Amino acid sequence: MAPETDPKAGTPAAEVKAQREAHWREVLERWKASGLPKTQFARQEGISPDVLGWWNAQIRKRDRVRRRVSRAAPRRRSATSRRTSFVPVRVVESTPQPAPAAIEMLAGGRTIRIRPGFDAETLRRLVAVLEDRP
């Protein structure tokens, strides 16, 4: 029997694949519950012992992959299972830093006081205007 492709979830092919797997899981459960050898059980069910063996191996393989994937997936905790943890906090008073001093400059016989955060382009235009005056 050829290996099956892995169709996208939600498609008709995926549904058929899921139904087929469910059917063979039931057959394998009946075989294991019967305690009969594979050949005798297969003959009773009217199926090939090779097909029964193939599905047995496939189901075991799929279960191993699913267990591996579920262990690798990050586990989500429910809101009730989350633990609250507290981190110690120490409050430190900071001393206020002195404000940067203003700059004074002479331009066109006038004193210009420039405070921190000034707009350089505005200052250039102001100085240009003051220097052009008589």
C-alpha atoms as a PDB file:
ATOM      1  CA  MET A   1       0.000   0.000   0.000  1.00  0.00           C
ATOM      2  CA  ALA A   2       1.474   3.399  -0.983  1.00  0.00           C
ATOM      3  CA  PRO A   3       2.121   6.061   1.673  1.00  0.00           C
ATOM      4  CA  GLU A   4      -0.563   8.714   1.876  1.00  0.00           C
ATOM      5  CA  THR A   5       0.017  12.357   1.124  1.00  0.00           C
ATOM      6  CA  ASP A   6      -0.750  14.925   3.821  1.00  0.00           C
ATOM      7  CA  PRO A   7      -3.701  16.992   2.529  1.00  0.00           C
ATOM      8  CA  LYS A   8      -4.547  20.379   3.989  1.00  0.00           C
ATOM      9  CA  ALA A   9      -6.792  20.327   7.058  1.00  0.00           C
ATOM     10  CA  GLY A  10     -10.462  21.042   6.389  1.00  0.00           C
ATOM     11  CA  THR A  11     -10.427  19.710   2.822  1.00  0.00           C
ATOM     12  CA  PRO A  12     -12.531  16.742   1.727  1.00  0.00           C
ATOM     13  CA  ALA A  13      -9.320  14.725   1.239  1.00  0.00           C
ATOM     14  CA  ALA A  14      -8.308  15.444   4.841  1.00  0.00           C
ATOM     15  CA  GLU A  15     -11.711  14.286   6.076  1.00  0.00           C
ATOM     16  CA  VAL A  16     -11.434  11.044   4.097  1.00  0.00           C
ATOM     17  CA  LYS A  17      -7.937  10.494   5.473  1.00  0.00           C
ATOM     18  CA  ALA A  18      -9.160  11.074   9.039  1.00  0.00           C
ATOM     19  CA  GLN A  19     -12.089   8.662   8.555  1.00  0.00           C
ATOM     20  CA  ARG A  20      -9.781   6.010   7.102  1.00  0.00           C
ATOM     21  CA  GLU A  21      -7.369   6.363  10.019  1.00  0.00           C
ATOM     22  CA  ALA A  22     -10.243   6.161  12.533  1.00  0.00           C
ATOM     23  CA  HIS A  23     -11.501   2.971  10.826  1.00  0.00           C
ATOM     24  CA  TRP A  24      -8.080   1.313  11.021  1.00  0.00           C
ATOM     25  CA  ARG A  25      -7.609   2.379  14.635  1.00  0.00           C
ATOM     26  CA  GLU A  26     -10.849   0.547  15.455  1.00  0.00           C
ATOM     27  CA  VAL A  27      -9.692  -2.551  13.529  1.00  0.00           C
ATOM     28  CA  LEU A  28      -6.352  -2.517  15.373  1.00  0.00           C
ATOM     29  CA  GLU A  29      -8.115  -2.161  18.737  1.00  0.00           C
ATOM     30  CA  ARG A  30     -10.297  -5.187  17.935  1.00  0.00           C
ATOM     31  CA  TRP A  31      -7.205  -7.177  16.898  1.00  0.00           C
ATOM     32  CA  LYS A  32      -5.346  -6.348  20.131  1.00  0.00           C
ATOM     33  CA  ALA A  33      -8.441  -7.093  22.243  1.00  0.00           C
ATOM     34  CA  SER A  34      -8.906 -10.451  20.469  1.00  0.00           C
ATOM     35  CA  GLY A  35      -5.487 -11.754  21.487  1.00  0.00           C
ATOM     36  CA  LEU A  36      -5.272 -13.557  18.129  1.00  0.00           C
ATOM     37  CA  PRO A  37      -2.161 -13.660  15.958  1.00  0.00           C
ATOM     38  CA  LYS A  38      -2.164 -11.128  13.107  1.00  0.00           C
ATOM     39  CA  THR A  39      -2.695 -13.733  10.375  1.00  0.00           C
ATOM     40  CA  GLN A  40      -5.615 -15.438  12.097  1.00  0.00           C
ATOM     41  CA  PHE A  41      -7.341 -12.149  12.975  1.00  0.00           C
ATOM     42  CA  ALA A  42      -6.833 -10.809   9.441  1.00  0.00           C
ATOM     43  CA  ARG A  43      -8.299 -13.972   7.927  1.00  0.00           C
ATOM     44  CA  GLN A  44     -11.327 -13.680  10.255  1.00  0.00           C
ATOM     45  CA  GLU A  45     -11.846 -10.039   9.210  1.00  0.00           C
ATOM     46  CA  GLY A  46     -11.316 -10.769   5.526  1.00  0.00           C
ATOM     47  CA  ILE A  47      -8.314  -8.484   5.185  1.00  0.00           C
ATOM     48  CA  SER A  48      -4.708  -9.019   4.199  1.00  0.00           C
ATOM     49  CA  PRO A  49      -2.287  -9.639   7.080  1.00  0.00           C
ATOM     50  CA  ASP A  50       0.184  -7.342   5.268  1.00  0.00           C
ATOM     51  CA  VAL A  51      -2.357  -4.501   5.192  1.00  0.00           C
ATOM     52  CA  LEU A  52      -3.096  -5.021   8.898  1.00  0.00           C
ATOM     53  CA  GLY A  53       0.638  -4.926   9.654  1.00  0.00           C
ATOM     54  CA  TRP A  54       1.137  -1.823   7.490  1.00  0.00           C
ATOM     55  CA  TRP A  55      -1.643   0.065   9.280  1.00  0.00           C
ATOM     56  CA  ASN A  56      -0.331  -1.043  12.655  1.00  0.00           C
ATOM     57  CA  ALA A  57       3.085   0.431  11.804  1.00  0.00           C
ATOM     58  CA  GLN A  58       1.512   3.604  10.327  1.00  0.00           C
ATOM     59  CA  ILE A  59      -0.624   4.292  13.382  1.00  0.00           C
ATOM     60  CA  ARG A  60       2.346   3.787  15.728  1.00  0.00           C
ATOM     61  CA  LYS A  61       4.455   6.126  13.568  1.00  0.00           C
ATOM     62  CA  ARG A  62       1.723   8.800  13.447  1.00  0.00           C
ATOM     63  CA  ASP A  63       1.253   8.593  17.215  1.00  0.00           C
ATOM     64  CA  ARG A  64       5.011   9.017  17.789  1.00  0.00           C
ATOM     65  CA  VAL A  65       5.063  12.097  15.523  1.00  0.00           C
ATOM     66  CA  ARG A  66       2.030  13.594  17.263  1.00  0.00           C
ATOM     67  CA  ARG A  67       3.593  13.041  20.693  1.00  0.00           C
ATOM     68  CA  ARG A  68       6.837  14.659  19.514  1.00  0.00           C
ATOM     69  CA  VAL A  69       4.984  17.645  18.066  1.00  0.00           C
ATOM     70  CA  SER A  70       2.849  18.112  21.164  1.00  0.00           C
ATOM     71  CA  ARG A  71       5.945  18.020  23.404  1.00  0.00           C
ATOM     72  CA  ALA A  72       7.704  20.584  21.195  1.00  0.00           C
ATOM     73  CA  ALA A  73       4.740  22.976  21.095  1.00  0.00           C
ATOM     74  CA  PRO A  74       4.829  25.715  23.716  1.00  0.00           C
ATOM     75  CA  ARG A  75       2.401  24.965  26.482  1.00  0.00           C
ATOM     76  CA  ARG A  76      -0.241  27.542  27.225  1.00  0.00           C
ATOM     77  CA  ARG A  77      -1.117  28.072  30.815  1.00  0.00           C
ATOM     78  CA  SER A  78      -4.617  28.847  31.863  1.00  0.00           C
ATOM     79  CA  ALA A  79      -5.259  32.008  33.839  1.00  0.00           C
ATOM     80  CA  THR A  80      -5.774  29.965  37.003  1.00  0.00           C
ATOM     81  CA  SER A  81      -2.522  28.036  36.633  1.00  0.00           C
ATOM     82  CA  ARG A  82      -0.349  31.127  36.250  1.00  0.00           C
ATOM     83  CA  ARG A  83       1.640  31.970  39.301  1.00  0.00           C
ATOM     84  CA  THR A  84       1.979  35.552  40.379  1.00  0.00           C
ATOM     85  CA  SER A  85       5.476  36.537  41.263  1.00  0.00           C
ATOM     86  CA  PHE A  86       6.675  39.713  42.846  1.00  0.00           C
ATOM     87  CA  VAL A  87       9.925  41.455  42.153  1.00  0.00           C
ATOM     88  CA  PRO A  88      11.473  43.588  44.881  1.00  0.00           C
ATOM     89  CA  VAL A  89      11.549  47.269  43.996  1.00  0.00           C
ATOM     90  CA  ARG A  90      13.687  49.918  45.640  1.00  0.00           C
ATOM     91  CA  VAL A  91      12.615  53.536  45.346  1.00  0.00           C
ATOM     92  CA  VAL A  92      15.507  55.929  44.990  1.00  0.00           C
ATOM     93  CA  GLU A  93      15.056  59.661  45.241  1.00  0.00           C
ATOM     94  CA  SER A  94      16.879  61.490  42.544  1.00  0.00           C
ATOM     95  CA  THR A  95      18.341  64.927  42.990  1.00  0.00           C
ATOM     96  CA  PRO A  96      17.052  67.378  40.419  1.00  0.00           C
ATOM     97  CA  GLN A  97      19.618  68.284  37.807  1.00  0.00           C
ATOM     98  CA  PRO A  98      20.229  71.978  37.293  1.00  0.00           C
ATOM     99  CA  ALA A  99      18.737  73.326  34.103  1.00  0.00           C
ATOM    100  CA  PRO A 100      21.315  73.997  31.400  1.00  0.00           C
ATOM    101  CA  ALA A 101      22.363  77.611  31.372  1.00  0.00           C
ATOM    102  CA  ALA A 102      21.237  80.000  28.678  1.00  0.00           C
ATOM    103  CA  ILE A 103      23.804  81.261  26.164  1.00  0.00           C
ATOM    104  CA  GLU A 104      24.187  84.974  25.556  1.00  0.00           C
ATOM    105  CA  MET A 105      25.588  86.423  22.368  1.00  0.00           C
ATOM    106  CA  LEU A 106      26.023  89.858  20.919  1.00  0.00           C
ATOM    107  CA  ALA A 107      24.691  90.491  17.429  1.00  0.00           C
ATOM    108  CA  GLY A 108      24.186  93.898  15.833  1.00  0.00           C
ATOM    109  CA  GLY A 109      24.818  95.627  19.146  1.00  0.00           C
ATOM    110  CA  ARG A 110      22.151  93.614  20.908  1.00  0.00           C
ATOM    111  CA  THR A 111      22.344  90.791  23.400  1.00  0.00           C
ATOM    112  CA  ILE A 112      20.504  87.615  22.499  1.00  0.00           C
ATOM    113  CA  ARG A 113      19.846  85.072  25.261  1.00  0.00           C
ATOM    114  CA  ILE A 114      19.464  81.555  23.832  1.00  0.00           C
ATOM    115  CA  ARG A 115      17.891  78.892  25.993  1.00  0.00           C
ATOM    116  CA  PRO A 116      18.371  75.151  25.563  1.00  0.00           C
ATOM    117  CA  GLY A 117      16.170  73.626  22.868  1.00  0.00           C
ATOM    118  CA  PHE A 118      16.324  76.658  20.578  1.00  0.00           C
ATOM    119  CA  ASP A 119      15.582  76.368  16.870  1.00  0.00           C
ATOM    120  CA  ALA A 120      18.868  76.873  15.013  1.00  0.00           C
ATOM    121  CA  GLU A 121      17.225  78.101  11.798  1.00  0.00           C
ATOM    122  CA  THR A 122      15.247  80.759  13.654  1.00  0.00           C
ATOM    123  CA  LEU A 123      18.446  81.948  15.378  1.00  0.00           C
ATOM    124  CA  ARG A 124      20.266  82.191  12.010  1.00  0.00           C
ATOM    125  CA  ARG A 125      17.492  84.334  10.555  1.00  0.00           C
ATOM    126  CA  LEU A 126      17.417  86.562  13.648  1.00  0.00           C
ATOM    127  CA  VAL A 127      21.177  87.135  13.580  1.00  0.00           C
ATOM    128  CA  ALA A 128      21.056  87.857   9.830  1.00  0.00           C
ATOM    129  CA  VAL A 129      18.351  90.457  10.366  1.00  0.00           C
ATOM    130  CA  LEU A 130      20.223  92.090  13.269  1.00  0.00           C
ATOM    131  CA  GLU A 131      23.525  92.228  11.405  1.00  0.00           C
ATOM    132  CA  ASP A 132      21.936  93.971   8.390  1.00  0.00           C
ATOM    133  CA  ARG A 133      20.590  96.881  10.482  1.00  0.00           C
ATOM    134  CA  PRO A 134      22.591 100.078  10.675  1.00  0.00           C
END
